[in-house]
Protein backbone atom coordinates (compact mmCIF):
# COMPACT_ATOMS: atom_id res chain seq x y z
CA MET A 1 21.70 18.28 12.54
CA SER A 2 20.77 18.86 8.90
CA SER A 3 17.75 17.17 7.34
CA SER A 4 20.16 15.32 5.02
CA SER A 5 22.12 13.81 7.91
CA THR A 6 18.88 13.09 9.83
CA PHE A 7 17.58 11.26 6.77
CA SER A 8 20.84 9.26 6.42
CA LEU A 9 20.71 8.22 10.08
CA LEU A 10 17.06 7.15 9.86
CA VAL A 11 17.75 5.10 6.73
CA ALA A 12 20.87 3.64 8.39
CA GLU A 13 18.79 2.45 11.35
CA ARG A 14 16.19 0.84 9.12
CA VAL A 15 18.71 -0.92 6.85
CA LYS A 16 20.66 -2.30 9.79
CA ALA A 17 17.48 -3.40 11.62
CA ALA A 18 16.19 -5.20 8.50
CA ARG A 19 19.57 -6.89 7.96
CA LEU A 20 19.81 -8.06 11.58
CA ALA A 21 16.16 -9.19 11.69
CA GLN A 22 16.91 -11.49 8.78
CA GLY A 23 20.17 -12.71 10.31
CA HIS A 24 22.38 -11.48 7.48
CA SER A 25 25.97 -10.46 7.98
CA LEU A 26 27.19 -7.20 6.51
CA SER A 27 29.20 -9.16 3.94
CA HIS A 28 26.25 -11.33 2.92
CA LEU A 29 23.84 -8.43 2.39
CA ALA A 30 26.46 -6.39 0.54
CA LYS A 31 27.07 -9.30 -1.83
CA GLN A 32 23.33 -9.95 -2.36
CA ALA A 33 22.74 -6.26 -3.12
CA GLY A 34 25.80 -5.91 -5.37
CA LEU A 35 27.43 -3.36 -3.06
CA GLY A 36 30.85 -3.13 -1.49
CA LYS A 37 31.01 -4.16 2.17
CA GLY A 38 32.65 -0.82 3.04
CA SER A 39 29.88 1.11 1.28
CA LEU A 40 27.19 -0.78 3.16
CA SER A 41 29.06 -0.27 6.44
CA GLU A 42 29.22 3.50 5.82
CA LEU A 43 25.54 3.57 4.88
CA GLU A 44 24.57 1.68 8.07
CA ALA A 45 26.67 4.11 10.12
CA GLY A 46 24.82 7.06 8.57
CA ARG A 47 27.99 8.44 6.98
CA ARG A 48 26.81 7.95 3.41
CA ASN A 49 23.72 9.33 1.67
CA PRO A 50 22.07 6.42 -0.14
CA THR A 51 20.97 6.76 -3.75
CA LEU A 52 17.65 5.45 -4.98
CA ALA A 53 19.48 2.71 -6.90
CA THR A 54 21.34 1.60 -3.75
CA LEU A 55 18.16 1.52 -1.67
CA TYR A 56 16.31 -0.48 -4.32
CA SER A 57 19.22 -2.96 -4.44
CA LEU A 58 19.08 -3.35 -0.66
CA ALA A 59 15.28 -3.61 -0.59
CA ASP A 60 15.35 -6.29 -3.30
CA ALA A 61 18.13 -8.22 -1.53
CA LEU A 62 16.17 -8.08 1.73
CA GLY A 63 12.86 -8.91 0.02
CA VAL A 64 11.15 -5.80 1.42
CA PRO A 65 9.41 -2.84 -0.22
CA LEU A 66 11.50 0.32 -0.59
CA SER A 67 9.39 2.18 1.98
CA HIS A 68 10.55 -0.25 4.70
CA LEU A 69 14.00 1.34 4.43
CA LEU A 70 12.76 4.96 4.40
CA PRO A 71 11.58 7.15 7.28
CA ASP A 72 7.82 7.07 7.77
CA ALA A 73 5.98 9.45 5.45
CA GLY A 74 3.63 10.42 8.27
CA SER A 75 6.35 11.11 10.83
CA GLN A 76 7.55 14.52 11.95
CA GLN A 77 10.76 13.95 9.99
CA PRO A 78 11.28 15.50 6.55
CA ARG A 79 9.71 13.52 3.73
CA ALA A 80 11.92 10.71 2.53
CA GLU A 81 13.44 11.75 -0.77
CA VAL A 82 16.01 9.72 -2.67
CA ALA A 83 17.53 10.17 -6.08
CA SER A 84 19.70 8.59 -8.72
CA PRO A 85 20.71 10.01 -12.10
CA GLY A 86 17.55 10.87 -13.99
CA ILE A 87 15.06 10.24 -11.18
CA ARG A 88 14.03 11.62 -7.80
CA ALA A 89 11.43 9.85 -5.64
CA THR A 90 9.64 11.37 -2.67
CA LEU A 91 7.70 8.99 -0.44
CA LEU A 92 4.26 10.49 0.19
CA HIS A 93 2.49 7.58 1.87
CA SER A 94 3.12 4.00 2.94
CA THR A 95 0.75 1.58 4.64
CA VAL A 96 -0.09 -2.11 4.90
CA THR A 97 -3.67 -2.88 3.88
CA ALA A 98 -5.97 -5.39 5.58
CA GLU A 99 -5.17 -7.71 2.66
CA GLN A 100 -1.46 -7.63 3.66
CA ILE A 101 -0.39 -5.54 0.69
CA VAL A 102 2.21 -2.81 1.14
CA GLU A 103 0.91 0.31 -0.56
CA GLU A 104 3.55 2.95 -1.34
CA VAL A 105 2.85 6.29 -3.03
CA PHE A 106 5.75 8.27 -4.47
CA LEU A 107 6.07 11.56 -6.31
CA LEU A 108 8.56 10.97 -9.14
CA THR A 109 10.52 13.59 -11.02
CA LEU A 110 12.26 12.30 -14.14
CA THR A 111 14.86 14.31 -16.05
CA ALA A 112 15.75 13.84 -19.69
CA GLY A 113 18.96 12.15 -20.70
CA GLU A 114 18.91 9.30 -18.17
CA LYS A 115 16.94 6.07 -18.39
CA ARG A 116 16.29 4.49 -14.98
CA PHE A 117 16.14 0.69 -14.95
CA SER A 118 14.54 -1.03 -11.99
CA THR A 119 15.14 -4.69 -11.24
CA ALA A 120 12.21 -7.03 -10.72
CA HIS A 121 10.31 -6.47 -7.47
CA PRO A 122 8.85 -9.37 -5.44
CA ALA A 123 6.34 -11.63 -7.20
CA GLY A 124 2.90 -10.08 -7.55
CA THR A 125 4.07 -6.46 -7.29
CA THR A 126 2.05 -4.02 -9.39
CA GLU A 127 2.87 -0.41 -10.28
CA HIS A 128 0.37 2.30 -11.27
CA LEU A 129 1.98 5.42 -12.74
CA TYR A 130 -0.01 8.59 -13.49
CA LEU A 131 1.97 11.21 -15.44
CA THR A 132 1.12 14.70 -14.19
CA SER A 133 3.40 16.67 -16.53
CA GLY A 134 5.72 16.16 -19.48
CA HIS A 135 6.23 13.04 -21.59
CA ALA A 136 7.82 9.77 -20.51
CA GLU A 137 8.43 6.19 -21.53
CA VAL A 138 7.67 3.72 -18.73
CA GLY A 139 6.83 0.10 -18.06
CA PRO A 140 8.32 -3.34 -18.42
CA THR A 141 11.61 -3.05 -20.33
CA ALA A 142 10.39 -5.34 -23.09
CA ALA A 143 7.15 -3.37 -23.57
CA THR A 144 7.47 0.26 -22.48
CA GLN A 145 4.72 2.75 -23.26
CA THR A 146 4.95 6.43 -24.11
CA LEU A 147 2.78 8.57 -21.87
CA HIS A 148 1.75 12.22 -22.06
CA ALA A 149 0.54 14.36 -19.15
CA GLY A 150 -2.79 13.05 -17.89
CA GLU A 151 -2.20 9.46 -19.01
CA SER A 152 -1.47 6.44 -16.85
CA VAL A 153 -0.21 2.89 -17.06
CA THR A 154 -0.50 -0.16 -14.80
CA PHE A 155 1.96 -3.04 -15.06
CA GLN A 156 3.36 -6.04 -13.23
CA ALA A 157 6.64 -4.88 -11.68
CA ASP A 158 8.00 -8.34 -10.95
CA THR A 159 10.08 -8.06 -14.12
CA GLU A 160 12.70 -5.47 -15.06
CA HIS A 161 11.10 -2.11 -15.88
CA SER A 162 12.25 1.39 -16.72
CA TYR A 163 11.40 5.08 -16.55
CA GLU A 164 12.65 7.77 -18.92
CA ALA A 165 11.63 11.40 -19.42
CA LEU A 166 11.11 12.27 -23.07
CA SER A 167 10.62 15.95 -22.24
CA THR A 168 13.05 18.05 -20.20
CA THR A 169 11.23 17.03 -17.02
CA ALA A 170 8.37 14.65 -16.38
CA ARG A 171 6.50 14.30 -13.10
CA ALA A 172 4.36 11.40 -11.97
CA VAL A 173 2.56 9.86 -9.04
CA LEU A 174 3.63 6.24 -8.65
CA THR A 175 1.72 3.73 -6.53
CA ILE A 176 3.46 0.42 -5.85
CA LEU A 177 1.44 -2.49 -4.44
CA THR A 178 3.56 -5.30 -3.00
CA PRO A 179 2.01 -8.40 -1.40
CA LEU A 180 3.71 -9.29 1.88
CA ASP A 181 3.22 -12.97 1.06
CA PRO A 182 3.70 -13.47 -2.71
CA SER A 183 2.21 -16.98 -2.50
CA ALA A 184 -1.10 -15.64 -1.17
């Protein structure tokens, strides 16, 4: 079995388990995530490779961090890597802190010519992005910042935000902190 099909099957298991744990039907989750029921069915069966955009839509609809739908970064499986036009994200680490905050660390590769918009994450979510190479524009859509290699930005990610390479390629380490209980 190829690492791509192994990845698809592991993601399929996690998406289906999260959907069933919350008592959602396939139709309900598909509608909440803005996906076709057939597409979600194929994804849950492991017959479709999910894009980063699809997984974020599902994570947002389920109210879980993205890493909950990806294979464990510390497992013997290949690192979870998902992509959409203009962006590739590799999950490096995911844990839940003693303070009940999900901490996810991703390696991002941005390519010029595509701006990636991310919908609002759960209330209280914060992102820290450190640009390791290139130039990029990142942050809340209404107030993006231009970064150069070696610079960083921290912002509340519970509003729409975006990422865009201003150089041919830009690479970054992204840490996302999501409280498990936003009211806490």
